[in-house]
N, C-alpha and C. Protein backbone atom coordinates (compact mmCIF):
# COMPACT_ATOMS: atom_id res chain seq x y z
N MET A 1 -17.19 1.69 6.84
CA MET A 1 -15.90 2.20 7.25
C MET A 1 -15.84 2.17 8.77
N ASN A 2 -14.74 1.69 9.28
CA ASN A 2 -14.54 1.64 10.73
C ASN A 2 -13.78 2.88 11.18
N TYR A 3 -14.32 3.57 12.14
CA TYR A 3 -13.69 4.78 12.66
C TYR A 3 -13.05 4.47 13.99
N PRO A 4 -12.02 5.19 14.39
CA PRO A 4 -11.42 6.32 13.69
C PRO A 4 -10.50 5.86 12.56
N ILE A 5 -10.27 6.78 11.61
CA ILE A 5 -9.31 6.56 10.53
C ILE A 5 -8.33 7.73 10.54
N THR A 6 -7.17 7.49 9.98
CA THR A 6 -6.17 8.54 9.83
C THR A 6 -6.00 8.81 8.34
N ILE A 7 -6.16 10.08 7.98
CA ILE A 7 -5.94 10.50 6.60
C ILE A 7 -4.70 11.38 6.58
N TYR A 8 -3.78 11.07 5.68
CA TYR A 8 -2.55 11.85 5.59
C TYR A 8 -2.71 12.93 4.53
N ILE A 9 -2.51 14.17 4.95
CA ILE A 9 -2.51 15.32 4.05
C ILE A 9 -1.08 15.87 4.08
N ASP A 10 -0.37 15.76 2.96
CA ASP A 10 1.04 16.17 2.91
C ASP A 10 1.84 15.55 4.05
N ASP A 11 1.60 14.27 4.27
CA ASP A 11 2.28 13.48 5.31
C ASP A 11 1.94 13.91 6.74
N ILE A 12 0.93 14.74 6.90
CA ILE A 12 0.46 15.13 8.24
C ILE A 12 -0.79 14.32 8.54
N PRO A 13 -0.79 13.55 9.65
CA PRO A 13 -1.95 12.72 9.95
C PRO A 13 -3.11 13.54 10.52
N ILE A 14 -4.30 13.31 9.97
CA ILE A 14 -5.52 13.94 10.44
C ILE A 14 -6.45 12.81 10.89
N GLU A 15 -6.87 12.85 12.15
CA GLU A 15 -7.77 11.82 12.68
C GLU A 15 -9.21 12.19 12.38
N ILE A 16 -9.95 11.26 11.82
CA ILE A 16 -11.38 11.42 11.52
C ILE A 16 -12.12 10.36 12.34
N ASP A 17 -13.09 10.81 13.15
CA ASP A 17 -13.73 9.87 14.07
C ASP A 17 -15.15 9.46 13.69
N ASN A 18 -15.72 10.07 12.64
CA ASN A 18 -17.06 9.64 12.22
C ASN A 18 -17.34 10.09 10.79
N ALA A 19 -18.43 9.55 10.23
CA ALA A 19 -18.76 9.81 8.83
C ALA A 19 -19.06 11.28 8.57
N GLN A 20 -19.67 11.96 9.52
CA GLN A 20 -19.98 13.37 9.32
C GLN A 20 -18.70 14.20 9.22
N ASN A 21 -17.74 13.92 10.06
CA ASN A 21 -16.46 14.64 9.99
C ASN A 21 -15.75 14.37 8.66
N LEU A 22 -15.85 13.13 8.18
CA LEU A 22 -15.25 12.79 6.88
C LEU A 22 -15.92 13.59 5.77
N LYS A 23 -17.24 13.64 5.79
CA LYS A 23 -17.98 14.37 4.75
C LYS A 23 -17.70 15.87 4.83
N THR A 24 -17.67 16.41 6.05
CA THR A 24 -17.42 17.84 6.22
C THR A 24 -16.03 18.22 5.71
N ARG A 25 -15.04 17.42 6.05
CA ARG A 25 -13.65 17.76 5.71
C ARG A 25 -13.26 17.39 4.28
N PHE A 26 -13.81 16.25 3.78
CA PHE A 26 -13.34 15.71 2.50
C PHE A 26 -14.46 15.49 1.50
N GLY A 27 -15.63 16.04 1.73
CA GLY A 27 -16.79 15.81 0.87
C GLY A 27 -16.59 16.25 -0.56
N LEU A 28 -15.78 17.25 -0.82
CA LEU A 28 -15.56 17.74 -2.18
C LEU A 28 -14.41 17.04 -2.90
N TYR A 29 -13.72 16.18 -2.20
CA TYR A 29 -12.62 15.43 -2.81
C TYR A 29 -13.18 14.30 -3.68
N ARG A 30 -12.51 14.03 -4.80
CA ARG A 30 -12.87 12.85 -5.58
C ARG A 30 -12.27 11.64 -4.87
N LYS A 31 -13.08 10.59 -4.72
CA LYS A 31 -12.63 9.39 -4.01
C LYS A 31 -12.11 8.37 -5.01
N ILE A 32 -10.93 7.83 -4.70
CA ILE A 32 -10.31 6.77 -5.50
C ILE A 32 -9.96 5.63 -4.55
N GLU A 33 -10.17 4.40 -5.01
CA GLU A 33 -9.76 3.24 -4.22
C GLU A 33 -8.70 2.46 -4.97
N ALA A 34 -7.73 2.00 -4.21
CA ALA A 34 -6.63 1.22 -4.75
C ALA A 34 -6.42 0.01 -3.85
N ALA A 35 -5.56 -0.89 -4.29
CA ALA A 35 -5.24 -2.07 -3.49
C ALA A 35 -3.82 -2.51 -3.80
N GLY A 36 -3.18 -3.09 -2.80
CA GLY A 36 -1.81 -3.55 -2.98
C GLY A 36 -1.41 -4.49 -1.88
N GLY A 37 -0.12 -4.78 -1.85
CA GLY A 37 0.31 -5.77 -0.88
C GLY A 37 1.71 -5.58 -0.34
N ILE A 38 1.87 -6.11 0.86
CA ILE A 38 3.19 -6.36 1.42
C ILE A 38 3.45 -7.83 1.11
N VAL A 39 4.37 -8.06 0.18
CA VAL A 39 4.63 -9.41 -0.32
C VAL A 39 5.85 -9.98 0.40
N VAL A 40 5.68 -11.18 0.96
CA VAL A 40 6.73 -11.85 1.72
C VAL A 40 7.10 -13.13 0.98
N ASN A 41 8.41 -13.33 0.76
CA ASN A 41 8.83 -14.57 0.10
C ASN A 41 9.19 -15.63 1.14
N GLY A 42 9.58 -16.79 0.68
CA GLY A 42 9.90 -17.91 1.56
C GLY A 42 11.06 -17.67 2.51
N ASN A 43 11.89 -16.67 2.22
CA ASN A 43 13.00 -16.30 3.12
C ASN A 43 12.60 -15.21 4.11
N GLY A 44 11.35 -14.74 4.00
CA GLY A 44 10.90 -13.65 4.87
C GLY A 44 11.25 -12.28 4.35
N ASP A 45 11.76 -12.19 3.11
CA ASP A 45 12.09 -10.90 2.51
C ASP A 45 10.82 -10.22 2.01
N ILE A 46 10.86 -8.90 1.92
CA ILE A 46 9.72 -8.09 1.52
C ILE A 46 9.98 -7.50 0.13
N LEU A 47 8.97 -7.54 -0.73
CA LEU A 47 9.06 -7.01 -2.09
C LEU A 47 8.77 -5.51 -2.08
N MET A 48 9.71 -4.72 -2.57
CA MET A 48 9.54 -3.27 -2.62
C MET A 48 9.82 -2.76 -4.02
N ILE A 49 9.16 -1.66 -4.36
CA ILE A 49 9.36 -1.02 -5.65
C ILE A 49 9.89 0.39 -5.44
N TYR A 50 10.65 0.88 -6.43
CA TYR A 50 11.16 2.25 -6.40
C TYR A 50 10.48 3.01 -7.53
N ARG A 51 9.71 4.03 -7.15
CA ARG A 51 8.93 4.78 -8.13
C ARG A 51 8.99 6.27 -7.79
N ARG A 52 9.34 7.05 -8.80
CA ARG A 52 9.33 8.51 -8.68
C ARG A 52 10.11 9.01 -7.46
N GLY A 53 11.24 8.39 -7.21
CA GLY A 53 12.13 8.85 -6.15
C GLY A 53 11.84 8.33 -4.76
N PHE A 54 10.91 7.36 -4.63
CA PHE A 54 10.54 6.84 -3.31
C PHE A 54 10.40 5.32 -3.35
N TRP A 55 10.77 4.69 -2.23
CA TRP A 55 10.49 3.27 -2.06
C TRP A 55 9.05 3.12 -1.63
N ASP A 56 8.42 2.05 -2.10
CA ASP A 56 6.99 1.87 -1.93
C ASP A 56 6.68 0.37 -1.94
N PHE A 57 5.44 0.05 -1.62
CA PHE A 57 4.92 -1.30 -1.81
C PHE A 57 4.05 -1.28 -3.07
N PRO A 58 4.01 -2.35 -3.83
CA PRO A 58 3.22 -2.34 -5.07
C PRO A 58 1.72 -2.20 -4.78
N LYS A 59 1.07 -1.36 -5.60
CA LYS A 59 -0.36 -1.11 -5.44
C LYS A 59 -0.87 -0.39 -6.68
N GLY A 60 -2.19 -0.35 -6.83
CA GLY A 60 -2.77 0.38 -7.95
C GLY A 60 -4.28 0.46 -7.82
N LYS A 61 -4.87 1.20 -8.73
CA LYS A 61 -6.31 1.46 -8.69
C LYS A 61 -7.14 0.20 -8.93
N ILE A 62 -8.26 0.15 -8.22
CA ILE A 62 -9.22 -0.93 -8.40
C ILE A 62 -10.06 -0.62 -9.63
N GLU A 63 -10.19 -1.60 -10.50
CA GLU A 63 -10.99 -1.43 -11.72
C GLU A 63 -12.45 -1.75 -11.44
N LYS A 64 -13.31 -1.29 -12.33
CA LYS A 64 -14.74 -1.54 -12.21
C LYS A 64 -15.01 -3.04 -12.13
N ASN A 65 -15.91 -3.44 -11.25
CA ASN A 65 -16.32 -4.83 -11.04
C ASN A 65 -15.19 -5.71 -10.50
N GLU A 66 -14.21 -5.11 -9.86
CA GLU A 66 -13.09 -5.86 -9.30
C GLU A 66 -13.12 -5.70 -7.78
N THR A 67 -12.85 -6.77 -7.06
CA THR A 67 -12.77 -6.67 -5.60
C THR A 67 -11.39 -6.16 -5.21
N PRO A 68 -11.26 -5.62 -3.99
CA PRO A 68 -9.93 -5.20 -3.55
C PRO A 68 -8.89 -6.33 -3.60
N LYS A 69 -9.28 -7.54 -3.23
CA LYS A 69 -8.33 -8.67 -3.28
C LYS A 69 -7.88 -8.95 -4.70
N GLU A 70 -8.83 -8.97 -5.63
CA GLU A 70 -8.49 -9.21 -7.04
C GLU A 70 -7.57 -8.12 -7.56
N ALA A 71 -7.89 -6.87 -7.21
CA ALA A 71 -7.07 -5.74 -7.67
C ALA A 71 -5.66 -5.82 -7.10
N ALA A 72 -5.56 -6.17 -5.83
CA ALA A 72 -4.25 -6.24 -5.18
C ALA A 72 -3.36 -7.26 -5.88
N ILE A 73 -3.89 -8.44 -6.14
CA ILE A 73 -3.09 -9.48 -6.82
C ILE A 73 -2.73 -9.03 -8.23
N ARG A 74 -3.69 -8.47 -8.96
CA ARG A 74 -3.42 -8.02 -10.33
C ARG A 74 -2.36 -6.92 -10.34
N GLU A 75 -2.53 -5.93 -9.48
CA GLU A 75 -1.59 -4.79 -9.48
C GLU A 75 -0.18 -5.21 -9.07
N VAL A 76 -0.05 -6.05 -8.07
CA VAL A 76 1.28 -6.50 -7.66
C VAL A 76 1.93 -7.26 -8.82
N ALA A 77 1.17 -8.13 -9.47
CA ALA A 77 1.72 -8.89 -10.60
C ALA A 77 2.12 -7.96 -11.74
N GLU A 78 1.26 -6.98 -12.07
CA GLU A 78 1.58 -6.06 -13.17
C GLU A 78 2.81 -5.21 -12.87
N GLU A 79 2.89 -4.71 -11.65
CA GLU A 79 3.98 -3.79 -11.32
C GLU A 79 5.32 -4.48 -11.11
N THR A 80 5.30 -5.77 -10.73
CA THR A 80 6.54 -6.44 -10.35
C THR A 80 6.90 -7.66 -11.18
N GLY A 81 5.94 -8.21 -11.90
CA GLY A 81 6.18 -9.45 -12.64
C GLY A 81 6.06 -10.69 -11.79
N VAL A 82 5.80 -10.55 -10.49
CA VAL A 82 5.64 -11.70 -9.60
C VAL A 82 4.21 -12.20 -9.73
N MET A 83 4.06 -13.43 -10.18
CA MET A 83 2.73 -13.96 -10.49
C MET A 83 2.17 -14.92 -9.45
N SER A 84 2.99 -15.66 -8.78
CA SER A 84 2.52 -16.68 -7.84
C SER A 84 2.29 -16.05 -6.47
N LEU A 85 1.12 -15.44 -6.32
CA LEU A 85 0.79 -14.71 -5.09
C LEU A 85 -0.43 -15.32 -4.43
N ARG A 86 -0.40 -15.39 -3.11
CA ARG A 86 -1.60 -15.76 -2.37
C ARG A 86 -1.74 -14.82 -1.18
N ILE A 87 -2.95 -14.40 -0.95
CA ILE A 87 -3.24 -13.49 0.16
C ILE A 87 -3.37 -14.30 1.43
N SER A 88 -2.65 -13.88 2.47
CA SER A 88 -2.73 -14.59 3.75
C SER A 88 -3.51 -13.80 4.79
N GLU A 89 -3.57 -12.48 4.63
CA GLU A 89 -4.37 -11.68 5.57
C GLU A 89 -4.60 -10.28 5.04
N GLU A 90 -5.59 -9.64 5.62
CA GLU A 90 -5.92 -8.26 5.25
C GLU A 90 -5.38 -7.33 6.32
N LEU A 91 -4.83 -6.22 5.88
CA LEU A 91 -4.33 -5.18 6.79
C LEU A 91 -5.30 -4.00 6.77
N ASN A 92 -5.11 -3.06 7.68
CA ASN A 92 -5.94 -1.86 7.69
C ASN A 92 -5.64 -1.03 6.45
N PRO A 93 -6.66 -0.40 5.89
CA PRO A 93 -6.42 0.47 4.73
C PRO A 93 -5.68 1.74 5.15
N THR A 94 -5.05 2.37 4.17
CA THR A 94 -4.45 3.69 4.40
C THR A 94 -5.23 4.70 3.58
N TYR A 95 -5.15 5.96 4.01
CA TYR A 95 -5.83 7.06 3.33
C TYR A 95 -4.84 8.21 3.18
N HIS A 96 -4.82 8.81 2.00
CA HIS A 96 -4.02 10.02 1.82
C HIS A 96 -4.65 10.87 0.73
N THR A 97 -4.27 12.12 0.73
CA THR A 97 -4.78 13.05 -0.27
C THR A 97 -3.66 13.49 -1.18
N TYR A 98 -4.05 13.91 -2.38
CA TYR A 98 -3.11 14.51 -3.31
C TYR A 98 -3.92 15.32 -4.31
N THR A 99 -3.21 16.10 -5.11
CA THR A 99 -3.85 16.90 -6.14
C THR A 99 -3.35 16.43 -7.49
N GLN A 100 -4.29 16.26 -8.42
CA GLN A 100 -3.93 15.86 -9.78
C GLN A 100 -4.77 16.70 -10.74
N ASP A 101 -4.10 17.40 -11.64
CA ASP A 101 -4.79 18.28 -12.59
C ASP A 101 -5.74 19.24 -11.88
N ALA A 102 -5.26 19.84 -10.80
CA ALA A 102 -6.00 20.82 -9.99
C ALA A 102 -7.22 20.24 -9.29
N GLU A 103 -7.30 18.92 -9.18
CA GLU A 103 -8.42 18.27 -8.51
C GLU A 103 -7.91 17.61 -7.22
N ALA A 104 -8.64 17.85 -6.11
CA ALA A 104 -8.30 17.24 -4.82
C ALA A 104 -8.82 15.81 -4.79
N ILE A 105 -7.95 14.88 -4.42
CA ILE A 105 -8.28 13.46 -4.43
C ILE A 105 -8.01 12.86 -3.06
N LEU A 106 -8.96 12.06 -2.59
CA LEU A 106 -8.79 11.26 -1.37
C LEU A 106 -8.68 9.81 -1.81
N LYS A 107 -7.54 9.20 -1.52
CA LYS A 107 -7.28 7.83 -1.97
C LYS A 107 -7.27 6.89 -0.77
N LYS A 108 -8.10 5.87 -0.87
CA LYS A 108 -8.12 4.78 0.11
C LYS A 108 -7.43 3.59 -0.53
N THR A 109 -6.43 3.05 0.15
CA THR A 109 -5.73 1.88 -0.37
C THR A 109 -5.96 0.70 0.56
N HIS A 110 -6.52 -0.37 0.00
CA HIS A 110 -6.71 -1.63 0.72
C HIS A 110 -5.39 -2.39 0.66
N TRP A 111 -4.95 -2.91 1.79
CA TRP A 111 -3.67 -3.60 1.85
C TRP A 111 -3.84 -5.05 2.29
N PHE A 112 -3.02 -5.92 1.72
CA PHE A 112 -3.05 -7.33 2.05
C PHE A 112 -1.62 -7.84 2.22
N VAL A 113 -1.46 -8.81 3.11
CA VAL A 113 -0.20 -9.53 3.19
C VAL A 113 -0.30 -10.65 2.17
N MET A 114 0.72 -10.73 1.31
CA MET A 114 0.75 -11.76 0.27
C MET A 114 2.01 -12.58 0.43
N GLU A 115 1.88 -13.83 0.04
CA GLU A 115 3.03 -14.72 0.13
C GLU A 115 3.41 -15.21 -1.27
N ASN A 116 4.72 -15.40 -1.45
CA ASN A 116 5.27 -15.91 -2.71
C ASN A 116 6.44 -16.81 -2.35
N ASP A 117 6.32 -18.08 -2.67
CA ASP A 117 7.37 -19.04 -2.34
C ASP A 117 8.18 -19.48 -3.55
N ARG A 118 7.89 -18.94 -4.72
CA ARG A 118 8.54 -19.44 -5.94
C ARG A 118 9.80 -18.66 -6.31
N PHE A 119 10.10 -17.58 -5.62
CA PHE A 119 11.30 -16.80 -5.89
C PHE A 119 11.42 -16.44 -7.36
N GLU A 120 10.33 -15.90 -7.88
CA GLU A 120 10.29 -15.52 -9.29
C GLU A 120 11.15 -14.29 -9.55
N ASN A 121 11.62 -14.18 -10.78
CA ASN A 121 12.33 -12.97 -11.19
C ASN A 121 11.33 -11.82 -11.26
N THR A 122 11.82 -10.64 -10.98
CA THR A 122 10.96 -9.46 -11.01
C THR A 122 11.19 -8.67 -12.28
N LYS A 123 10.17 -7.90 -12.65
CA LYS A 123 10.27 -7.06 -13.85
C LYS A 123 9.51 -5.77 -13.57
N PRO A 124 10.21 -4.64 -13.43
CA PRO A 124 9.54 -3.38 -13.13
C PRO A 124 8.64 -2.91 -14.27
N GLN A 125 7.47 -2.41 -13.90
CA GLN A 125 6.53 -1.86 -14.88
C GLN A 125 6.97 -0.42 -15.19
N ILE A 126 7.79 -0.27 -16.20
CA ILE A 126 8.39 1.02 -16.56
C ILE A 126 7.32 2.07 -16.87
N GLU A 127 6.22 1.68 -17.52
CA GLU A 127 5.19 2.66 -17.87
C GLU A 127 4.49 3.23 -16.64
N GLU A 128 4.68 2.61 -15.48
CA GLU A 128 4.17 3.15 -14.21
C GLU A 128 5.29 3.83 -13.42
N ASP A 129 6.37 4.14 -14.10
CA ASP A 129 7.52 4.83 -13.51
C ASP A 129 8.23 4.03 -12.42
N ILE A 130 8.11 2.72 -12.47
CA ILE A 130 8.82 1.86 -11.53
C ILE A 130 10.17 1.54 -12.16
N THR A 131 11.23 1.94 -11.48
CA THR A 131 12.56 1.78 -12.05
C THR A 131 13.38 0.67 -11.38
N GLU A 132 12.94 0.23 -10.20
CA GLU A 132 13.68 -0.82 -9.50
C GLU A 132 12.73 -1.62 -8.63
N ILE A 133 13.00 -2.90 -8.53
CA ILE A 133 12.28 -3.79 -7.64
C ILE A 133 13.32 -4.55 -6.84
N ARG A 134 13.06 -4.70 -5.57
CA ARG A 134 14.06 -5.34 -4.72
C ARG A 134 13.36 -6.19 -3.64
N TRP A 135 13.89 -7.39 -3.40
CA TRP A 135 13.50 -8.17 -2.22
C TRP A 135 14.38 -7.68 -1.09
N VAL A 136 13.78 -7.21 -0.02
CA VAL A 136 14.48 -6.53 1.06
C VAL A 136 14.32 -7.31 2.36
N LYS A 137 15.40 -7.42 3.12
CA LYS A 137 15.31 -8.02 4.46
C LYS A 137 14.39 -7.15 5.33
N CYS A 138 13.63 -7.79 6.19
CA CYS A 138 12.65 -7.06 7.03
C CYS A 138 13.29 -5.91 7.80
N ASP A 139 14.50 -6.13 8.31
CA ASP A 139 15.11 -5.08 9.11
C ASP A 139 15.64 -3.90 8.28
N GLU A 140 15.54 -3.99 6.95
CA GLU A 140 15.97 -2.90 6.07
C GLU A 140 14.80 -2.05 5.56
N VAL A 141 13.57 -2.56 5.70
CA VAL A 141 12.40 -1.89 5.13
C VAL A 141 12.20 -0.50 5.74
N ALA A 142 12.24 -0.40 7.05
CA ALA A 142 12.00 0.89 7.71
C ALA A 142 12.98 1.94 7.23
N GLY A 143 14.23 1.56 7.01
CA GLY A 143 15.23 2.51 6.52
C GLY A 143 14.89 3.01 5.13
N LEU A 144 14.43 2.11 4.26
CA LEU A 144 14.04 2.54 2.91
C LEU A 144 12.80 3.43 2.95
N LEU A 145 11.90 3.18 3.89
CA LEU A 145 10.69 3.98 3.99
C LEU A 145 10.90 5.31 4.74
N SER A 146 12.08 5.50 5.32
CA SER A 146 12.31 6.72 6.11
C SER A 146 12.18 7.98 5.26
N ASN A 147 12.43 7.90 3.97
CA ASN A 147 12.27 9.05 3.07
C ASN A 147 11.07 8.90 2.16
N SER A 148 10.14 8.03 2.55
CA SER A 148 8.96 7.80 1.74
C SER A 148 7.74 8.44 2.42
N PHE A 149 6.56 7.95 2.12
CA PHE A 149 5.33 8.56 2.60
C PHE A 149 4.96 8.09 4.01
N ALA A 150 4.42 8.99 4.81
CA ALA A 150 4.06 8.68 6.20
C ALA A 150 3.03 7.55 6.27
N SER A 151 2.11 7.51 5.32
CA SER A 151 1.10 6.45 5.35
C SER A 151 1.75 5.07 5.18
N LEU A 152 2.82 4.98 4.40
CA LEU A 152 3.53 3.71 4.23
C LEU A 152 4.31 3.33 5.48
N ARG A 153 4.89 4.33 6.14
CA ARG A 153 5.59 4.05 7.40
C ARG A 153 4.60 3.54 8.44
N GLN A 154 3.40 4.13 8.47
CA GLN A 154 2.38 3.67 9.41
C GLN A 154 1.93 2.26 9.07
N LEU A 155 1.75 1.97 7.79
CA LEU A 155 1.38 0.62 7.35
C LEU A 155 2.44 -0.39 7.80
N TRP A 156 3.71 -0.07 7.60
CA TRP A 156 4.79 -0.96 7.98
C TRP A 156 4.82 -1.15 9.51
N ASP A 157 4.62 -0.09 10.26
CA ASP A 157 4.56 -0.20 11.72
C ASP A 157 3.42 -1.11 12.15
N ASP A 158 2.24 -0.93 11.54
CA ASP A 158 1.08 -1.76 11.87
C ASP A 158 1.35 -3.23 11.53
N PHE A 159 1.98 -3.46 10.38
CA PHE A 159 2.34 -4.82 9.96
C PHE A 159 3.25 -5.47 11.00
N ASN A 160 4.26 -4.74 11.45
CA ASN A 160 5.20 -5.27 12.44
C ASN A 160 4.56 -5.50 13.80
N LYS A 161 3.68 -4.59 14.22
CA LYS A 161 2.97 -4.77 15.50
C LYS A 161 2.10 -6.01 15.44
N LYS A 162 1.42 -6.21 14.33
CA LYS A 162 0.56 -7.39 14.16
C LYS A 162 1.41 -8.66 14.23
N ARG A 163 2.55 -8.65 13.55
CA ARG A 163 3.45 -9.80 13.58
C ARG A 163 3.97 -10.07 14.99
N ALA A 164 4.33 -9.01 15.71
CA ALA A 164 4.83 -9.18 17.07
C ALA A 164 3.75 -9.77 17.98
N ASN A 165 2.52 -9.32 17.82
CA ASN A 165 1.43 -9.85 18.63
C ASN A 165 1.16 -11.33 18.33
N GLU A 166 1.36 -11.72 17.08
CA GLU A 166 1.15 -13.13 16.72
C GLU A 166 2.22 -14.03 17.33
N LEU A 167 3.39 -13.48 17.61
CA LEU A 167 4.47 -14.27 18.18
C LEU A 167 4.34 -14.45 19.70
N VAL A 168 3.49 -13.61 20.33
CA VAL A 168 3.34 -13.66 21.78
C VAL A 168 2.44 -14.81 22.18
């Protein structure tokens, strides 16, 4: 793990600068790893999902014996129906906490930029509470994320900063 990292607790960022601080603060949390993607189509639109009242990027838990890249492609395909995906780069992971069944959980999500040029139809994974999928213009993403999770807003900011640096 590369330090420092930011862990979001109830959308409040907490900076962790070394392994000992991570263990001291979050040692009793159950650790979960997930993977997902910011998917860009041939028009430069971004694939977003609407789940449980929030706009999000597709992602899900990594299964046993699965790499983060494999999980990211599988989860995006399962949640959206978009199958023709290729990873073009890796982004910084995000970290956030939540409680499930009275258990404190620290979730690390590995993120990748994915490309899709086939303009496939989307199909929301209803059993994962995804009710809408939308290809969104880049300049509309921040607005949709304004009422979403802080870790996603930070991911989107990092994605845009990286893109801006590549154009310089």
